[in-house]
C-alpha atoms as a PDB file:
ATOM      1  CA  UNK A   1      -5.783 -15.265 -20.244  1.00  0.00           C
ATOM      2  CA  UNK A   2      -5.328 -11.511 -20.544  1.00  0.00           C
ATOM      3  CA  UNK A   3      -3.607  -9.852 -17.609  1.00  0.00           C
ATOM      4  CA  UNK A   4      -4.660  -6.551 -16.107  1.00  0.00           C
ATOM      5  CA  UNK A   5      -3.430  -4.023 -13.575  1.00  0.00           C
ATOM      6  CA  UNK A   6      -5.406  -3.823 -10.334  1.00  0.00           C
ATOM      7  CA  UNK A   7      -4.962  -0.589  -8.386  1.00  0.00           C
ATOM      8  CA  UNK A   8      -6.180  -0.514  -4.782  1.00  0.00           C
ATOM      9  CA  UNK A   9      -6.176   2.828  -2.985  1.00  0.00           C
ATOM     10  CA  UNK A  10      -7.589   3.894   0.348  1.00  0.00           C
ATOM     11  CA  UNK A  11      -7.028   4.903   3.923  1.00  0.00           C
ATOM     12  CA  UNK A  12      -4.612   3.242   6.343  1.00  0.00           C
ATOM     13  CA  UNK A  13      -5.793   0.065   8.085  1.00  0.00           C
ATOM     14  CA  UNK A  14      -8.715  -0.564   5.718  1.00  0.00           C
ATOM     15  CA  UNK A  15      -7.246  -3.910   4.714  1.00  0.00           C
ATOM     16  CA  UNK A  16      -5.654  -2.771   1.452  1.00  0.00           C
ATOM     17  CA  UNK A  17      -2.374  -4.644   1.727  1.00  0.00           C
ATOM     18  CA  UNK A  18      -3.804  -7.910   3.028  1.00  0.00           C
ATOM     19  CA  UNK A  19      -6.593  -7.900   0.446  1.00  0.00           C
ATOM     20  CA  UNK A  20      -4.208  -6.997  -2.387  1.00  0.00           C
ATOM     21  CA  UNK A  21      -1.808  -9.754  -1.356  1.00  0.00           C
ATOM     22  CA  UNK A  22      -4.561 -12.373  -1.270  1.00  0.00           C
ATOM     23  CA  UNK A  23      -6.069 -11.217  -4.558  1.00  0.00           C
ATOM     24  CA  UNK A  24      -2.668 -11.489  -6.214  1.00  0.00           C
ATOM     25  CA  UNK A  25      -2.278 -15.005  -4.829  1.00  0.00           C
ATOM     26  CA  UNK A  26      -5.680 -16.125  -6.149  1.00  0.00           C
ATOM     27  CA  UNK A  27      -5.043 -14.674  -9.611  1.00  0.00           C
ATOM     28  CA  UNK A  28      -1.394 -15.684  -9.796  1.00  0.00           C
ATOM     29  CA  UNK A  29      -0.416 -12.025 -10.066  1.00  0.00           C
ATOM     30  CA  UNK A  30       2.529 -10.119  -8.610  1.00  0.00           C
ATOM     31  CA  UNK A  31       1.746  -8.132  -5.472  1.00  0.00           C
ATOM     32  CA  UNK A  32       3.533  -4.810  -4.994  1.00  0.00           C
ATOM     33  CA  UNK A  33       3.216  -3.033  -1.651  1.00  0.00           C
ATOM     34  CA  UNK A  34       3.814   0.612  -2.548  1.00  0.00           C
ATOM     35  CA  UNK A  35       3.356   1.615   1.084  1.00  0.00           C
ATOM     36  CA  UNK A  36       6.267  -0.611   2.047  1.00  0.00           C
ATOM     37  CA  UNK A  37       8.433   1.282  -0.433  1.00  0.00           C
ATOM     38  CA  UNK A  38       7.715   4.596   1.300  1.00  0.00           C
ATOM     39  CA  UNK A  39       8.243   2.960   4.672  1.00  0.00           C
ATOM     40  CA  UNK A  40      11.635   1.699   3.499  1.00  0.00           C
ATOM     41  CA  UNK A  41      12.594   5.212   2.393  1.00  0.00           C
ATOM     42  CA  UNK A  42      11.464   6.524   5.789  1.00  0.00           C
ATOM     43  CA  UNK A  43      13.650   3.950   7.522  1.00  0.00           C
ATOM     44  CA  UNK A  44      16.661   4.911   5.403  1.00  0.00           C
ATOM     45  CA  UNK A  45      16.130   8.606   6.124  1.00  0.00           C
ATOM     46  CA  UNK A  46      15.836   7.850   9.837  1.00  0.00           C
ATOM     47  CA  UNK A  47      18.972   5.731   9.997  1.00  0.00           C
ATOM     48  CA  UNK A  48      21.024   8.207   7.960  1.00  0.00           C
ATOM     49  CA  UNK A  49      19.668  11.335   9.661  1.00  0.00           C
ATOM     50  CA  UNK A  50      18.395  12.837   6.411  1.00  0.00           C
ATOM     51  CA  UNK A  51      16.779  16.249   6.874  1.00  0.00           C
ATOM     52  CA  UNK A  52      13.336  16.273   5.259  1.00  0.00           C
ATOM     53  CA  UNK A  53      13.596  20.014   4.672  1.00  0.00           C
ATOM     54  CA  UNK A  54      16.956  19.829   2.889  1.00  0.00           C
ATOM     55  CA  UNK A  55      16.232  19.052  -0.754  1.00  0.00           C
ATOM     56  CA  UNK A  56      19.881  18.339  -1.542  1.00  0.00           C
ATOM     57  CA  UNK A  57      20.101  15.778   1.277  1.00  0.00           C
ATOM     58  CA  UNK A  58      16.852  14.137   0.199  1.00  0.00           C
ATOM     59  CA  UNK A  59      17.806  13.834  -3.480  1.00  0.00           C
ATOM     60  CA  UNK A  60      21.258  12.548  -2.588  1.00  0.00           C
ATOM     61  CA  UNK A  61      19.790   9.942  -0.253  1.00  0.00           C
ATOM     62  CA  UNK A  62      17.274   8.690  -2.804  1.00  0.00           C
ATOM     63  CA  UNK A  63      20.083   7.964  -5.239  1.00  0.00           C
ATOM     64  CA  UNK A  64      21.486   5.500  -2.690  1.00  0.00           C
ATOM     65  CA  UNK A  65      18.226   3.669  -2.066  1.00  0.00           C
ATOM     66  CA  UNK A  66      17.408   0.356  -3.718  1.00  0.00           C
ATOM     67  CA  UNK A  67      14.128  -1.384  -2.887  1.00  0.00           C
ATOM     68  CA  UNK A  68      12.944  -4.804  -4.008  1.00  0.00           C
ATOM     69  CA  UNK A  69      10.581  -7.542  -2.909  1.00  0.00           C
ATOM     70  CA  UNK A  70      11.545 -11.164  -2.358  1.00  0.00           C
ATOM     71  CA  UNK A  71       9.391 -14.180  -1.628  1.00  0.00           C
ATOM     72  CA  UNK A  72       9.560 -15.446   1.946  1.00  0.00           C
ATOM     73  CA  UNK A  73       8.308 -19.007   1.528  1.00  0.00           C
ATOM     74  CA  UNK A  74       8.452 -19.757   5.244  1.00  0.00           C
ATOM     75  CA  UNK A  75       6.196 -16.814   6.114  1.00  0.00           C
ATOM     76  CA  UNK A  76       4.116 -17.083   2.938  1.00  0.00           C
ATOM     77  CA  UNK A  77       4.656 -13.488   1.871  1.00  0.00           C
ATOM     78  CA  UNK A  78       6.916 -11.106  -0.020  1.00  0.00           C
ATOM     79  CA  UNK A  79       9.378  -9.262   2.200  1.00  0.00           C
ATOM     80  CA  UNK A  80      10.704  -5.770   1.578  1.00  0.00           C
ATOM     81  CA  UNK A  81      14.452  -5.395   1.062  1.00  0.00           C
ATOM     82  CA  UNK A  82      16.298  -2.106   1.433  1.00  0.00           C
ATOM     83  CA  UNK A  83      19.717  -2.117  -0.224  1.00  0.00           C
ATOM     84  CA  UNK A  84      19.848  -5.890   0.066  1.00  0.00           C
ATOM     85  CA  UNK A  85      18.702  -6.081   3.703  1.00  0.00           C
ATOM     86  CA  UNK A  86      15.385  -7.559   4.827  1.00  0.00           C
ATOM     87  CA  UNK A  87      13.580  -4.689   6.585  1.00  0.00           C
ATOM     88  CA  UNK A  88      10.060  -6.130   6.592  1.00  0.00           C
ATOM     89  CA  UNK A  89       9.791  -6.167  10.389  1.00  0.00           C
ATOM     90  CA  UNK A  90      11.463  -2.817  11.016  1.00  0.00           C
ATOM     91  CA  UNK A  91       9.337  -0.827   8.557  1.00  0.00           C
ATOM     92  CA  UNK A  92       6.170  -1.909  10.400  1.00  0.00           C
ATOM     93  CA  UNK A  93       7.299  -0.326  13.674  1.00  0.00           C
ATOM     94  CA  UNK A  94       5.206   2.513  15.102  1.00  0.00           C
ATOM     95  CA  UNK A  95       7.962   5.121  14.739  1.00  0.00           C
ATOM     96  CA  UNK A  96       7.963   4.479  10.988  1.00  0.00           C
ATOM     97  CA  UNK A  97       4.167   4.800  10.854  1.00  0.00           C
ATOM     98  CA  UNK A  98       4.428   8.143  12.621  1.00  0.00           C
ATOM     99  CA  UNK A  99       6.795   9.573   9.993  1.00  0.00           C
ATOM    100  CA  UNK A 100       6.004   7.882   6.683  1.00  0.00           C
ATOM    101  CA  UNK A 101       3.352  10.422   5.614  1.00  0.00           C
ATOM    102  CA  UNK A 102       5.808  13.308   6.028  1.00  0.00           C
ATOM    103  CA  UNK A 103       8.356  11.463   3.893  1.00  0.00           C
ATOM    104  CA  UNK A 104       5.911  10.354   1.210  1.00  0.00           C
ATOM    105  CA  UNK A 105       4.665  13.902   0.646  1.00  0.00           C
ATOM    106  CA  UNK A 106       8.110  15.040  -0.574  1.00  0.00           C
ATOM    107  CA  UNK A 107       8.066  15.566  -4.348  1.00  0.00           C
ATOM    108  CA  UNK A 108      11.488  13.974  -5.028  1.00  0.00           C
ATOM    109  CA  UNK A 109      10.544  10.888  -3.024  1.00  0.00           C
ATOM    110  CA  UNK A 110       7.204  10.413  -4.763  1.00  0.00           C
ATOM    111  CA  UNK A 111       8.672  10.908  -8.218  1.00  0.00           C
ATOM    112  CA  UNK A 112      11.357   8.302  -7.544  1.00  0.00           C
ATOM    113  CA  UNK A 113       8.907   5.760  -6.120  1.00  0.00           C
ATOM    114  CA  UNK A 114       6.299   6.310  -8.859  1.00  0.00           C
ATOM    115  CA  UNK A 115       8.962   5.658 -11.491  1.00  0.00           C
ATOM    116  CA  UNK A 116       9.919   2.397  -9.781  1.00  0.00           C
ATOM    117  CA  UNK A 117       6.282   1.364  -9.411  1.00  0.00           C
ATOM    118  CA  UNK A 118       5.519   1.979 -13.081  1.00  0.00           C
ATOM    119  CA  UNK A 119       8.480  -0.131 -14.122  1.00  0.00           C
ATOM    120  CA  UNK A 120       7.242  -2.967 -11.917  1.00  0.00           C
ATOM    121  CA  UNK A 121       3.795  -2.833 -13.541  1.00  0.00           C
ATOM    122  CA  UNK A 122       4.744  -2.600 -17.204  1.00  0.00           C
ATOM    123  CA  UNK A 123       4.084  -6.282 -17.910  1.00  0.00           C
ATOM    124  CA  UNK A 124       0.703  -6.165 -16.154  1.00  0.00           C
ATOM    125  CA  UNK A 125      -0.507  -9.060 -14.036  1.00  0.00           C
ATOM    126  CA  UNK A 126       0.041  -6.806 -11.036  1.00  0.00           C
ATOM    127  CA  UNK A 127      -1.911  -5.887  -7.899  1.00  0.00           C
ATOM    128  CA  UNK A 128      -0.612  -2.717  -6.268  1.00  0.00           C
ATOM    129  CA  UNK A 129      -2.009  -0.868  -3.282  1.00  0.00           C
ATOM    130  CA  UNK A 130      -1.310   2.583  -1.938  1.00  0.00           C
ATOM    131  CA  UNK A 131      -2.686   6.123  -1.934  1.00  0.00           C
ATOM    132  CA  UNK A 132      -2.343   7.291  -5.542  1.00  0.00           C
ATOM    133  CA  UNK A 133      -2.071   4.092  -7.563  1.00  0.00           C
ATOM    134  CA  UNK A 134      -5.282   4.561  -9.539  1.00  0.00           C
ATOM    135  CA  UNK A 135      -4.937   8.330  -9.877  1.00  0.00           C
ATOM    136  CA  UNK A 136      -1.209   8.835 -10.522  1.00  0.00           C
ATOM    137  CA  UNK A 137       0.801   5.629 -10.882  1.00  0.00           C
ATOM    138  CA  UNK A 138      -1.624   3.673 -13.082  1.00  0.00           C
ATOM    139  CA  UNK A 139      -4.409   6.043 -14.202  1.00  0.00           C
ATOM    140  CA  UNK A 140      -5.202   3.565 -17.009  1.00  0.00           C
ATOM    141  CA  UNK A 141      -5.493   0.523 -14.718  1.00  0.00           C
ATOM    142  CA  UNK A 142      -8.264  -1.800 -15.850  1.00  0.00           C
ATOM    143  CA  UNK A 143      -9.599  -2.156 -12.293  1.00  0.00           C
ATOM    144  CA  UNK A 144      -9.466   0.495  -9.581  1.00  0.00           C
ATOM    145  CA  UNK A 145     -10.650  -0.055  -6.022  1.00  0.00           C
ATOM    146  CA  UNK A 146     -11.021   2.621  -3.337  1.00  0.00           C
ATOM    147  CA  UNK A 147     -11.203   1.231   0.189  1.00  0.00           C
ATOM    148  CA  UNK A 148     -12.469   2.967   3.315  1.00  0.00           C
ATOM    149  CA  UNK A 149     -13.702   1.985   6.769  1.00  0.00           C
ATOM    150  CA  UNK A 150     -14.829   3.453  10.079  1.00  0.00           C
ATOM    151  CA  UNK A 151     -11.937   5.033  12.027  1.00  0.00           C
ATOM    152  CA  UNK A 152     -12.636   2.977  15.177  1.00  0.00           C
ATOM    153  CA  UNK A 153     -12.633  -0.277  13.220  1.00  0.00           C
ATOM    154  CA  UNK A 154      -9.412   0.747  11.486  1.00  0.00           C
ATOM    155  CA  UNK A 155      -7.789   1.553  14.840  1.00  0.00           C
ATOM    156  CA  UNK A 156      -8.695  -1.831  16.288  1.00  0.00           C
ATOM    157  CA  UNK A 157      -7.398  -3.608  13.200  1.00  0.00           C
ATOM    158  CA  UNK A 158      -4.081  -1.761  13.388  1.00  0.00           C
ATOM    159  CA  UNK A 159      -3.798  -2.488  17.115  1.00  0.00           C
ATOM    160  CA  UNK A 160      -4.316  -6.199  16.419  1.00  0.00           C
ATOM    161  CA  UNK A 161      -1.668  -6.116  13.683  1.00  0.00           C
ATOM    162  CA  UNK A 162       0.827  -4.552  16.068  1.00  0.00           C
ATOM    163  CA  UNK A 163      -0.086  -7.005  18.832  1.00  0.00           C
ATOM    164  CA  UNK A 164       0.672  -9.900  16.492  1.00  0.00           C
ATOM    165  CA  UNK A 165       4.159  -8.391  16.139  1.00  0.00           C
ATOM    166  CA  UNK A 166       4.486  -8.219  19.946  1.00  0.00           C
ATOM    167  CA  UNK A 167       3.917  -4.457  20.005  1.00  0.00           C
ATOM    168  CA  UNK A 168       1.483  -3.177  22.629  1.00  0.00           C
ATOM    169  CA  UNK A 169       0.186   0.244  21.577  1.00  0.00           C
ATOM    170  CA  UNK A 170      -2.677   2.219  23.148  1.00  0.00           C
ATOM    171  CA  UNK A 171      -5.799   2.359  20.960  1.00  0.00           C
ATOM    172  CA  UNK A 172      -6.099   6.154  21.290  1.00  0.00           C
ATOM    173  CA  UNK A 173      -2.499   6.613  20.173  1.00  0.00           C
ATOM    174  CA  UNK A 174      -3.195   4.487  17.104  1.00  0.00           C
ATOM    175  CA  UNK A 175      -6.377   6.407  16.308  1.00  0.00           C
ATOM    176  CA  UNK A 176      -4.567   9.749  16.560  1.00  0.00           C
ATOM    177  CA  UNK A 177      -1.815   8.434  14.280  1.00  0.00           C
ATOM    178  CA  UNK A 178      -4.356   7.281  11.689  1.00  0.00           C
ATOM    179  CA  UNK A 179      -6.231  10.576  11.801  1.00  0.00           C
ATOM    180  CA  UNK A 180      -2.973  12.487  11.364  1.00  0.00           C
ATOM    181  CA  UNK A 181      -1.989  10.303   8.407  1.00  0.00           C
ATOM    182  CA  UNK A 182      -5.430  10.805   6.850  1.00  0.00           C
ATOM    183  CA  UNK A 183      -5.042  14.590   7.054  1.00  0.00           C
ATOM    184  CA  UNK A 184      -1.577  14.538   5.527  1.00  0.00           C
ATOM    185  CA  UNK A 185      -2.414  11.946   2.849  1.00  0.00           C
ATOM    186  CA  UNK A 186      -5.528  13.744   1.625  1.00  0.00           C
ATOM    187  CA  UNK A 187      -4.127  17.284   1.708  1.00  0.00           C
ATOM    188  CA  UNK A 188      -0.609  16.887   0.320  1.00  0.00           C
ATOM    189  CA  UNK A 189       0.174  18.650  -2.934  1.00  0.00           C
ATOM    190  CA  UNK A 190       1.785  15.677  -4.677  1.00  0.00           C
ATOM    191  CA  UNK A 191      -0.229  12.479  -5.197  1.00  0.00           C
ATOM    192  CA  UNK A 192      -2.925  13.076  -2.572  1.00  0.00           C
ATOM    193  CA  UNK A 193      -5.202  10.265  -1.494  1.00  0.00           C
ATOM    194  CA  UNK A 194      -8.444  10.575  -3.422  1.00  0.00           C
ATOM    195  CA  UNK A 195     -10.919   8.347  -5.173  1.00  0.00           C
ATOM    196  CA  UNK A 196     -10.436   7.931  -8.911  1.00  0.00           C
ATOM    197  CA  UNK A 197     -13.566   8.777 -10.914  1.00  0.00           C
ATOM    198  CA  UNK A 198     -13.830   5.213 -12.217  1.00  0.00           C
ATOM    199  CA  UNK A 199     -12.935   3.433  -8.980  1.00  0.00           C
ATOM    200  CA  UNK A 200     -15.213   0.941  -7.250  1.00  0.00           C
ATOM    201  CA  UNK A 201     -15.745   1.965  -3.606  1.00  0.00           C
ATOM    202  CA  UNK A 202     -15.333  -0.826  -1.071  1.00  0.00           C
ATOM    203  CA  UNK A 203     -16.371  -0.021   2.501  1.00  0.00           C
ATOM    204  CA  UNK A 204     -14.745  -2.730   4.597  1.00  0.00           C
ATOM    205  CA  UNK A 205     -16.174  -1.709   7.986  1.00  0.00           C
ATOM    206  CA  UNK A 206     -18.398  -4.778   8.207  1.00  0.00           C
ATOM    207  CA  UNK A 207     -16.580  -7.030   5.747  1.00  0.00           C
ATOM    208  CA  UNK A 208     -14.389 -10.007   6.554  1.00  0.00           C
ATOM    209  CA  UNK A 209     -11.091 -10.441   4.755  1.00  0.00           C
ATOM    210  CA  UNK A 210     -12.551 -13.308   2.751  1.00  0.00           C
ATOM    211  CA  UNK A 211     -15.450 -11.122   1.601  1.00  0.00           C
ATOM    212  CA  UNK A 212     -13.074  -8.342   0.576  1.00  0.00           C
ATOM    213  CA  UNK A 213     -10.915 -10.727  -1.434  1.00  0.00           C
ATOM    214  CA  UNK A 214     -13.884 -12.394  -3.126  1.00  0.00           C
ATOM    215  CA  UNK A 215     -15.342  -9.022  -4.102  1.00  0.00           C
ATOM    216  CA  UNK A 216     -12.122  -7.782  -5.706  1.00  0.00           C
ATOM    217  CA  UNK A 217     -11.378 -11.116  -7.415  1.00  0.00           C
ATOM    218  CA  UNK A 218     -14.871 -11.216  -8.920  1.00  0.00           C
ATOM    219  CA  UNK A 219     -14.488  -7.659 -10.185  1.00  0.00           C
ATOM    220  CA  UNK A 220     -11.092  -8.549 -11.650  1.00  0.00           C
ATOM    221  CA  UNK A 221     -12.365 -11.679 -13.377  1.00  0.00           C
ATOM    222  CA  UNK A 222     -15.250  -9.716 -14.872  1.00  0.00           C
ATOM    223  CA  UNK A 223     -12.665  -7.387 -16.414  1.00  0.00           C
ATOM    224  CA  UNK A 224     -10.471 -10.261 -17.581  1.00  0.00           C
ATOM    225  CA  UNK A 225     -13.094 -12.530 -19.121  1.00  0.00           C
ATOM    226  CA  UNK A 226     -15.810  -9.965 -19.828  1.00  0.00           C
ATOM    227  CA  UNK A 227     -18.429 -11.403 -17.493  1.00  0.00           C
ATOM    228  CA  UNK A 228     -20.353  -9.438 -14.897  1.00  0.00           C
ATOM    229  CA  UNK A 229     -19.631 -11.874 -12.102  1.00  0.00           C
ATOM    230  CA  UNK A 230     -17.759 -15.131 -11.702  1.00  0.00           C
ATOM    231  CA  UNK A 231     -18.414 -17.413  -8.754  1.00  0.00           C
ATOM    232  CA  UNK A 232     -15.362 -18.866  -7.049  1.00  0.00           C
ATOM    233  CA  UNK A 233     -17.342 -21.245  -4.918  1.00  0.00           C
ATOM    234  CA  UNK A 234     -16.179 -19.613  -1.682  1.00  0.00           C
END
């Protein structure tokens, strides 16, 4: 069966990562969390006190950053490793969320991460989610999805995610963080968040995770086998 590249872009807390991960599992594809890569860079910058306004410091730091993904069979997911250390839990902390957009807008950071992402997707059979996957990283991806959802629904979803990690965060604080990230992500000069012309829009406000996954899998299968729709019996 022919393999394709599936690019999923969209706003924070729309369900991109969870949907992409499940779609990859159904199709037997590799899932690459591009957002986790930027979060890992943000963590490294934080721990090493890298000045975001000092280009020399930023470029020097990037040269010392190695990011990879390894299967965590016990948790049923792929964990993010930064220079050989599992940082999956740490990069999901609120202080990383508050700073990742500022880090990801830096040209040197984006260029380095885009290069890594393209290498990971060369053999196809990949599902990657982020902000500029369908517009910059893989503009020739066979399937592009653009996800969005109501800001209140997104805030509640993010609050539930944090609660599951034993983090209690006020809903208004989360909403303000998401709105700030939206402004930065859509207005940055390098790789801004925007819908690709040939992307399929998926509004997840009233969709369950299962519905999101089924929709993307059906779209993918139609690309792979040339049929308009394939029923999975779910």
